[in-house]
PDB file of all heavy atoms in Angstrom:
ATOM      1  N   PHE A   1     -10.390 -31.088  79.695  1.00  0.00           N
ATOM      2  CA  PHE A   1      -9.152 -30.695  80.364  1.00  0.00           C
ATOM      3  C   PHE A   1      -7.955 -30.844  79.420  1.00  0.00           C
ATOM      4  O   PHE A   1      -7.883 -31.805  78.649  1.00  0.00           O
ATOM      5  CB  PHE A   1      -8.876 -31.582  81.586  1.00  0.00           C
ATOM      6  CG  PHE A   1      -9.846 -31.433  82.711  1.00  0.00           C
ATOM      7  CD1 PHE A   1     -10.711 -32.470  83.034  1.00  0.00           C
ATOM      8  CD2 PHE A   1      -9.902 -30.269  83.471  1.00  0.00           C
ATOM      9  CE1 PHE A   1     -11.606 -32.367  84.075  1.00  0.00           C
ATOM     10  CE2 PHE A   1     -10.814 -30.141  84.512  1.00  0.00           C
ATOM     11  CZ  PHE A   1     -11.657 -31.186  84.823  1.00  0.00           C
ATOM     12  N   ASN A   2      -7.025 -29.905  79.517  1.00  0.00           N
ATOM     13  CA  ASN A   2      -5.689 -30.117  78.979  1.00  0.00           C
ATOM     14  C   ASN A   2      -4.923 -31.021  79.924  1.00  0.00           C
ATOM     15  O   ASN A   2      -5.077 -30.914  81.154  1.00  0.00           O
ATOM     16  CB  ASN A   2      -4.913 -28.795  78.901  1.00  0.00           C
ATOM     17  CG  ASN A   2      -5.412 -27.867  77.822  1.00  0.00           C
ATOM     18  OD1 ASN A   2      -5.996 -28.301  76.831  1.00  0.00           O
ATOM     19  ND2 ASN A   2      -5.181 -26.575  78.004  1.00  0.00           N
ATOM     20  N   ILE A   3      -4.074 -31.879  79.376  1.00  0.00           N
ATOM     21  CA  ILE A   3      -3.149 -32.624  80.219  1.00  0.00           C
ATOM     22  C   ILE A   3      -1.786 -32.598  79.518  1.00  0.00           C
ATOM     23  O   ILE A   3      -1.531 -33.318  78.562  1.00  0.00           O
ATOM     24  CB  ILE A   3      -3.657 -34.052  80.538  1.00  0.00           C
ATOM     25  CG1 ILE A   3      -2.665 -34.785  81.422  1.00  0.00           C
ATOM     26  CG2 ILE A   3      -4.003 -34.839  79.309  1.00  0.00           C
ATOM     27  CD1 ILE A   3      -3.250 -36.004  82.112  1.00  0.00           C
ATOM     28  N   GLY A   4      -0.964 -31.662  79.985  1.00  0.00           N
ATOM     29  CA  GLY A   4       0.356 -31.441  79.422  1.00  0.00           C
ATOM     30  C   GLY A   4       1.344 -31.125  80.525  1.00  0.00           C
ATOM     31  O   GLY A   4       0.957 -30.879  81.671  1.00  0.00           O
ATOM     32  N   ASN A   5       2.599 -31.098  80.168  1.00  0.00           N
ATOM     33  CA  ASN A   5       3.643 -30.912  81.177  1.00  0.00           C
ATOM     34  C   ASN A   5       3.761 -29.474  81.651  1.00  0.00           C
ATOM     35  O   ASN A   5       4.346 -29.205  82.692  1.00  0.00           O
ATOM     36  CB  ASN A   5       4.996 -31.384  80.625  1.00  0.00           C
ATOM     37  CG  ASN A   5       5.979 -31.740  81.717  1.00  0.00           C
ATOM     38  OD1 ASN A   5       5.594 -32.302  82.746  1.00  0.00           O
ATOM     39  ND2 ASN A   5       7.233 -31.407  81.521  1.00  0.00           N
ATOM     40  N   ASN A   6       3.215 -28.532  80.855  1.00  0.00           N
ATOM     41  CA  ASN A   6       3.264 -27.125  81.205  1.00  0.00           C
ATOM     42  C   ASN A   6       4.704 -26.607  81.296  1.00  0.00           C
ATOM     43  O   ASN A   6       4.976 -25.619  81.968  1.00  0.00           O
ATOM     44  CB  ASN A   6       2.513 -26.874  82.529  1.00  0.00           C
ATOM     45  CG  ASN A   6       2.198 -25.410  82.756  1.00  0.00           C
ATOM     46  OD1 ASN A   6       2.381 -24.899  83.856  1.00  0.00           O
ATOM     47  ND2 ASN A   6       1.706 -24.734  81.744  1.00  0.00           N
ATOM     48  N   GLN A   7       5.629 -27.328  80.637  1.00  0.00           N
ATOM     49  CA  GLN A   7       7.034 -26.903  80.572  1.00  0.00           C
ATOM     50  C   GLN A   7       7.527 -27.118  79.142  1.00  0.00           C
ATOM     51  O   GLN A   7       8.290 -28.036  78.863  1.00  0.00           O
ATOM     52  CB  GLN A   7       7.893 -27.716  81.551  1.00  0.00           C
ATOM     53  CG  GLN A   7       7.537 -27.508  83.012  1.00  0.00           C
ATOM     54  CD  GLN A   7       8.422 -28.340  83.932  1.00  0.00           C
ATOM     55  OE1 GLN A   7       9.612 -28.484  83.697  1.00  0.00           O
ATOM     56  NE2 GLN A   7       7.834 -28.892  84.969  1.00  0.00           N
ATOM     57  N   PRO A   8       7.074 -26.284  78.207  1.00  0.00           N
ATOM     58  CA  PRO A   8       7.405 -26.490  76.790  1.00  0.00           C
ATOM     59  C   PRO A   8       8.912 -26.434  76.540  1.00  0.00           C
ATOM     60  O   PRO A   8       9.644 -25.679  77.190  1.00  0.00           O
ATOM     61  CB  PRO A   8       6.677 -25.345  76.088  1.00  0.00           C
ATOM     62  CG  PRO A   8       6.413 -24.331  77.147  1.00  0.00           C
ATOM     63  CD  PRO A   8       6.239 -25.089  78.422  1.00  0.00           C
ATOM     64  N   VAL A   9       9.355 -27.259  75.592  1.00  0.00           N
ATOM     65  CA  VAL A   9      10.788 -27.419  75.319  1.00  0.00           C
ATOM     66  C   VAL A   9      11.039 -27.214  73.822  1.00  0.00           C
ATOM     67  O   VAL A   9      10.338 -27.821  72.993  1.00  0.00           O
ATOM     68  CB  VAL A   9      11.254 -28.841  75.725  1.00  0.00           C
ATOM     69  CG1 VAL A   9      12.702 -29.077  75.335  1.00  0.00           C
ATOM     70  CG2 VAL A   9      11.049 -29.059  77.219  1.00  0.00           C
ATOM     71  N   PRO A  10      12.006 -26.397  73.452  1.00  0.00           N
ATOM     72  CA  PRO A  10      12.373 -26.297  72.032  1.00  0.00           C
ATOM     73  C   PRO A  10      12.819 -27.657  71.504  1.00  0.00           C
ATOM     74  O   PRO A  10      13.513 -28.404  72.203  1.00  0.00           O
ATOM     75  CB  PRO A  10      13.535 -25.293  72.033  1.00  0.00           C
ATOM     76  CG  PRO A  10      13.335 -24.486  73.288  1.00  0.00           C
ATOM     77  CD  PRO A  10      12.772 -25.449  74.288  1.00  0.00           C
ATOM     78  N   LEU A  11      12.439 -27.964  70.274  1.00  0.00           N
ATOM     79  CA  LEU A  11      12.750 -29.267  69.700  1.00  0.00           C
ATOM     80  C   LEU A  11      14.254 -29.539  69.678  1.00  0.00           C
ATOM     81  O   LEU A  11      14.697 -30.663  69.941  1.00  0.00           O
ATOM     82  CB  LEU A  11      12.173 -29.368  68.285  1.00  0.00           C
ATOM     83  CG  LEU A  11      12.419 -30.679  67.538  1.00  0.00           C
ATOM     84  CD1 LEU A  11      11.851 -31.867  68.308  1.00  0.00           C
ATOM     85  CD2 LEU A  11      11.819 -30.619  66.137  1.00  0.00           C
ATOM     86  N   LEU A  12      15.049 -28.541  69.377  1.00  0.00           N
ATOM     87  CA  LEU A  12      16.498 -28.748  69.332  1.00  0.00           C
ATOM     88  C   LEU A  12      17.071 -29.066  70.715  1.00  0.00           C
ATOM     89  O   LEU A  12      18.036 -29.827  70.828  1.00  0.00           O
ATOM     90  CB  LEU A  12      17.195 -27.534  68.721  1.00  0.00           C
ATOM     91  CG  LEU A  12      16.883 -27.266  67.244  1.00  0.00           C
ATOM     92  CD1 LEU A  12      17.626 -26.036  66.742  1.00  0.00           C
ATOM     93  CD2 LEU A  12      17.202 -28.484  66.376  1.00  0.00           C
ATOM     94  N   ASP A  13      16.478 -28.514  71.770  1.00  0.00           N
ATOM     95  CA  ASP A  13      16.901 -28.867  73.128  1.00  0.00           C
ATOM     96  C   ASP A  13      16.514 -30.310  73.451  1.00  0.00           C
ATOM     97  O   ASP A  13      17.259 -31.031  74.131  1.00  0.00           O
ATOM     98  CB  ASP A  13      16.272 -27.918  74.160  1.00  0.00           C
ATOM     99  CG  ASP A  13      16.845 -26.512  74.094  1.00  0.00           C
ATOM    100  OD1 ASP A  13      17.815 -26.297  73.329  1.00  0.00           O
ATOM    101  OD2 ASP A  13      16.317 -25.623  74.794  1.00  0.00           O
ATOM    102  N   PHE A  14      15.349 -30.708  72.983  1.00  0.00           N
ATOM    103  CA  PHE A  14      14.884 -32.086  73.167  1.00  0.00           C
ATOM    104  C   PHE A  14      15.862 -33.056  72.504  1.00  0.00           C
ATOM    105  O   PHE A  14      16.260 -34.066  73.092  1.00  0.00           O
ATOM    106  CB  PHE A  14      13.493 -32.214  72.540  1.00  0.00           C
ATOM    107  CG  PHE A  14      12.805 -33.532  72.756  1.00  0.00           C
ATOM    108  CD1 PHE A  14      12.139 -33.807  73.941  1.00  0.00           C
ATOM    109  CD2 PHE A  14      12.781 -34.498  71.749  1.00  0.00           C
ATOM    110  CE1 PHE A  14      11.466 -35.011  74.127  1.00  0.00           C
ATOM    111  CE2 PHE A  14      12.122 -35.699  71.931  1.00  0.00           C
ATOM    112  CZ  PHE A  14      11.461 -35.955  73.124  1.00  0.00           C
ATOM    113  N   ILE A  15      16.281 -32.727  71.283  1.00  0.00           N
ATOM    114  CA  ILE A  15      17.237 -33.570  70.564  1.00  0.00           C
ATOM    115  C   ILE A  15      18.587 -33.594  71.284  1.00  0.00           C
ATOM    116  O   ILE A  15      19.227 -34.656  71.398  1.00  0.00           O
ATOM    117  CB  ILE A  15      17.397 -33.077  69.111  1.00  0.00           C
ATOM    118  CG1 ILE A  15      16.079 -33.298  68.346  1.00  0.00           C
ATOM    119  CG2 ILE A  15      18.551 -33.804  68.410  1.00  0.00           C
ATOM    120  CD1 ILE A  15      16.034 -32.631  66.984  1.00  0.00           C
ATOM    121  N   ALA A  16      19.016 -32.442  71.800  1.00  0.00           N
ATOM    122  CA  ALA A  16      20.292 -32.386  72.521  1.00  0.00           C
ATOM    123  C   ALA A  16      20.265 -33.263  73.767  1.00  0.00           C
ATOM    124  O   ALA A  16      21.259 -33.928  74.107  1.00  0.00           O
ATOM    125  CB  ALA A  16      20.615 -30.939  72.899  1.00  0.00           C
ATOM    126  N   THR A  17      19.130 -33.290  74.453  1.00  0.00           N
ATOM    127  CA  THR A  17      18.987 -34.151  75.634  1.00  0.00           C
ATOM    128  C   THR A  17      19.064 -35.620  75.230  1.00  0.00           C
ATOM    129  O   THR A  17      19.702 -36.440  75.905  1.00  0.00           O
ATOM    130  CB  THR A  17      17.655 -33.869  76.355  1.00  0.00           C
ATOM    131  OG1 THR A  17      17.613 -32.488  76.734  1.00  0.00           O
ATOM    132  CG2 THR A  17      17.499 -34.741  77.596  1.00  0.00           C
ATOM    133  N   LEU A  18      18.431 -35.968  74.124  1.00  0.00           N
ATOM    134  CA  LEU A  18      18.487 -37.341  73.626  1.00  0.00           C
ATOM    135  C   LEU A  18      19.922 -37.717  73.257  1.00  0.00           C
ATOM    136  O   LEU A  18      20.377 -38.833  73.550  1.00  0.00           O
ATOM    137  CB  LEU A  18      17.564 -37.500  72.421  1.00  0.00           C
ATOM    138  CG  LEU A  18      17.573 -38.869  71.723  1.00  0.00           C
ATOM    139  CD1 LEU A  18      17.190 -39.980  72.694  1.00  0.00           C
ATOM    140  CD2 LEU A  18      16.643 -38.856  70.512  1.00  0.00           C
ATOM    141  N   GLU A  19      20.646 -36.802  72.634  1.00  0.00           N
ATOM    142  CA  GLU A  19      22.042 -37.066  72.270  1.00  0.00           C
ATOM    143  C   GLU A  19      22.878 -37.381  73.509  1.00  0.00           C
ATOM    144  O   GLU A  19      23.697 -38.315  73.505  1.00  0.00           O
ATOM    145  CB  GLU A  19      22.638 -35.856  71.542  1.00  0.00           C
ATOM    146  CG  GLU A  19      22.095 -35.638  70.141  1.00  0.00           C
ATOM    147  CD  GLU A  19      22.613 -34.352  69.518  1.00  0.00           C
ATOM    148  OE1 GLU A  19      22.813 -33.358  70.278  1.00  0.00           O
ATOM    149  OE2 GLU A  19      22.820 -34.316  68.300  1.00  0.00           O
ATOM    150  N   ARG A  20      22.650 -36.635  74.573  1.00  0.00           N
ATOM    151  CA  ARG A  20      23.395 -36.883  75.827  1.00  0.00           C
ATOM    152  C   ARG A  20      23.051 -38.256  76.398  1.00  0.00           C
ATOM    153  O   ARG A  20      23.935 -38.979  76.869  1.00  0.00           O
ATOM    154  CB  ARG A  20      23.097 -35.787  76.844  1.00  0.00           C
ATOM    155  CG  ARG A  20      23.752 -34.446  76.519  1.00  0.00           C
ATOM    156  CD  ARG A  20      23.702 -33.492  77.691  1.00  0.00           C
ATOM    157  NE  ARG A  20      22.335 -33.098  78.021  1.00  0.00           N
ATOM    158  CZ  ARG A  20      21.701 -32.072  77.471  1.00  0.00           C
ATOM    159  NH1 ARG A  20      22.308 -31.335  76.542  1.00  0.00           N
ATOM    160  NH2 ARG A  20      20.469 -31.758  77.834  1.00  0.00           N
ATOM    161  N   CYS A  21      21.795 -38.611  76.362  1.00  0.00           N
ATOM    162  CA  CYS A  21      21.378 -39.909  76.920  1.00  0.00           C
ATOM    163  C   CYS A  21      21.926 -41.071  76.093  1.00  0.00           C
ATOM    164  O   CYS A  21      22.252 -42.136  76.630  1.00  0.00           O
ATOM    165  CB  CYS A  21      19.855 -39.992  76.983  1.00  0.00           C
ATOM    166  SG  CYS A  21      19.110 -38.926  78.243  1.00  0.00           S
ATOM    167  N   LEU A  22      22.028 -40.879  74.784  1.00  0.00           N
ATOM    168  CA  LEU A  22      22.534 -41.936  73.904  1.00  0.00           C
ATOM    169  C   LEU A  22      24.057 -41.926  73.801  1.00  0.00           C
ATOM    170  O   LEU A  22      24.660 -42.913  73.365  1.00  0.00           O
ATOM    171  CB  LEU A  22      21.940 -41.789  72.499  1.00  0.00           C
ATOM    172  CG  LEU A  22      20.442 -42.072  72.346  1.00  0.00           C
ATOM    173  CD1 LEU A  22      19.967 -41.702  70.948  1.00  0.00           C
ATOM    174  CD2 LEU A  22      20.126 -43.537  72.645  1.00  0.00           C
ATOM    175  N   GLY A  23      24.665 -40.800  74.161  1.00  0.00           N
ATOM    176  CA  GLY A  23      26.118 -40.677  74.009  1.00  0.00           C
ATOM    177  C   GLY A  23      26.534 -40.594  72.554  1.00  0.00           C
ATOM    178  O   GLY A  23      27.655 -40.962  72.190  1.00  0.00           O
ATOM    179  N   ARG A  24      25.635 -40.090  71.699  1.00  0.00           N
ATOM    180  CA  ARG A  24      25.915 -39.962  70.265  1.00  0.00           C
ATOM    181  C   ARG A  24      25.312 -38.674  69.738  1.00  0.00           C
ATOM    182  O   ARG A  24      24.292 -38.203  70.242  1.00  0.00           O
ATOM    183  CB  ARG A  24      25.335 -41.148  69.486  1.00  0.00           C
ATOM    184  CG  ARG A  24      25.820 -42.511  69.953  1.00  0.00           C
ATOM    185  CD  ARG A  24      25.399 -43.578  68.968  1.00  0.00           C
ATOM    186  NE  ARG A  24      25.652 -44.914  69.495  1.00  0.00           N
ATOM    187  CZ  ARG A  24      25.511 -46.021  68.779  1.00  0.00           C
ATOM    188  NH1 ARG A  24      25.136 -45.951  67.516  1.00  0.00           N
ATOM    189  NH2 ARG A  24      25.745 -47.211  69.330  1.00  0.00           N
ATOM    190  N   LYS A  25      25.928 -38.150  68.691  1.00  0.00           N
ATOM    191  CA  LYS A  25      25.420 -36.944  68.048  1.00  0.00           C
ATOM    192  C   LYS A  25      24.455 -37.328  66.921  1.00  0.00           C
ATOM    193  O   LYS A  25      24.618 -38.358  66.262  1.00  0.00           O
ATOM    194  CB  LYS A  25      26.571 -36.115  67.463  1.00  0.00           C
ATOM    195  CG  LYS A  25      27.509 -35.537  68.511  1.00  0.00           C
ATOM    196  CD  LYS A  25      26.826 -34.506  69.400  1.00  0.00           C
ATOM    197  CE  LYS A  25      26.534 -33.219  68.642  1.00  0.00           C
ATOM    198  NZ  LYS A  25      25.930 -32.179  69.534  1.00  0.00           N
ATOM    199  N   ALA A  26      23.481 -36.471  66.712  1.00  0.00           N
ATOM    200  CA  ALA A  26      22.509 -36.694  65.635  1.00  0.00           C
ATOM    201  C   ALA A  26      22.943 -35.970  64.368  1.00  0.00           C
ATOM    202  O   ALA A  26      23.444 -34.843  64.426  1.00  0.00           O
ATOM    203  CB  ALA A  26      21.139 -36.193  66.066  1.00  0.00           C
ATOM    204  N   ASP A  27      22.743 -36.623  63.253  1.00  0.00           N
ATOM    205  CA  ASP A  27      22.913 -35.994  61.947  1.00  0.00           C
ATOM    206  C   ASP A  27      21.539 -35.470  61.554  1.00  0.00           C
ATOM    207  O   ASP A  27      20.643 -36.250  61.207  1.00  0.00           O
ATOM    208  CB  ASP A  27      23.422 -37.023  60.940  1.00  0.00           C
ATOM    209  CG  ASP A  27      23.505 -36.464  59.520  1.00  0.00           C
ATOM    210  OD1 ASP A  27      23.402 -35.228  59.364  1.00  0.00           O
ATOM    211  OD2 ASP A  27      23.644 -37.262  58.575  1.00  0.00           O
ATOM    212  N   MET A  28      21.360 -34.143  61.640  1.00  0.00           N
ATOM    213  CA  MET A  28      20.032 -33.565  61.452  1.00  0.00           C
ATOM    214  C   MET A  28      19.790 -33.132  60.012  1.00  0.00           C
ATOM    215  O   MET A  28      20.573 -32.381  59.441  1.00  0.00           O
ATOM    216  CB  MET A  28      19.829 -32.381  62.394  1.00  0.00           C
ATOM    217  CG  MET A  28      19.688 -32.782  63.852  1.00  0.00           C
ATOM    218  SD  MET A  28      19.274 -31.398  64.931  1.00  0.00           S
ATOM    219  CE  MET A  28      20.891 -30.696  65.190  1.00  0.00           C
ATOM    220  N   GLN A  29      18.701 -33.624  59.453  1.00  0.00           N
ATOM    221  CA  GLN A  29      18.250 -33.212  58.133  1.00  0.00           C
ATOM    222  C   GLN A  29      17.146 -32.182  58.330  1.00  0.00           C
ATOM    223  O   GLN A  29      16.022 -32.525  58.693  1.00  0.00           O
ATOM    224  CB  GLN A  29      17.723 -34.425  57.354  1.00  0.00           C
ATOM    225  CG  GLN A  29      17.291 -34.122  55.943  1.00  0.00           C
ATOM    226  CD  GLN A  29      16.737 -35.359  55.233  1.00  0.00           C
ATOM    227  OE1 GLN A  29      16.611 -36.427  55.828  1.00  0.00           O
ATOM    228  NE2 GLN A  29      16.394 -35.206  53.971  1.00  0.00           N
TER     229      GLN A  29
END
């Protein structure tokens, strides 16, 4: 069986969500 969320997310959107939760911007390399 696959066991995944079935709701794929672009990596940059994932990072943007993390930035909101942390209240800080990421310096992306």
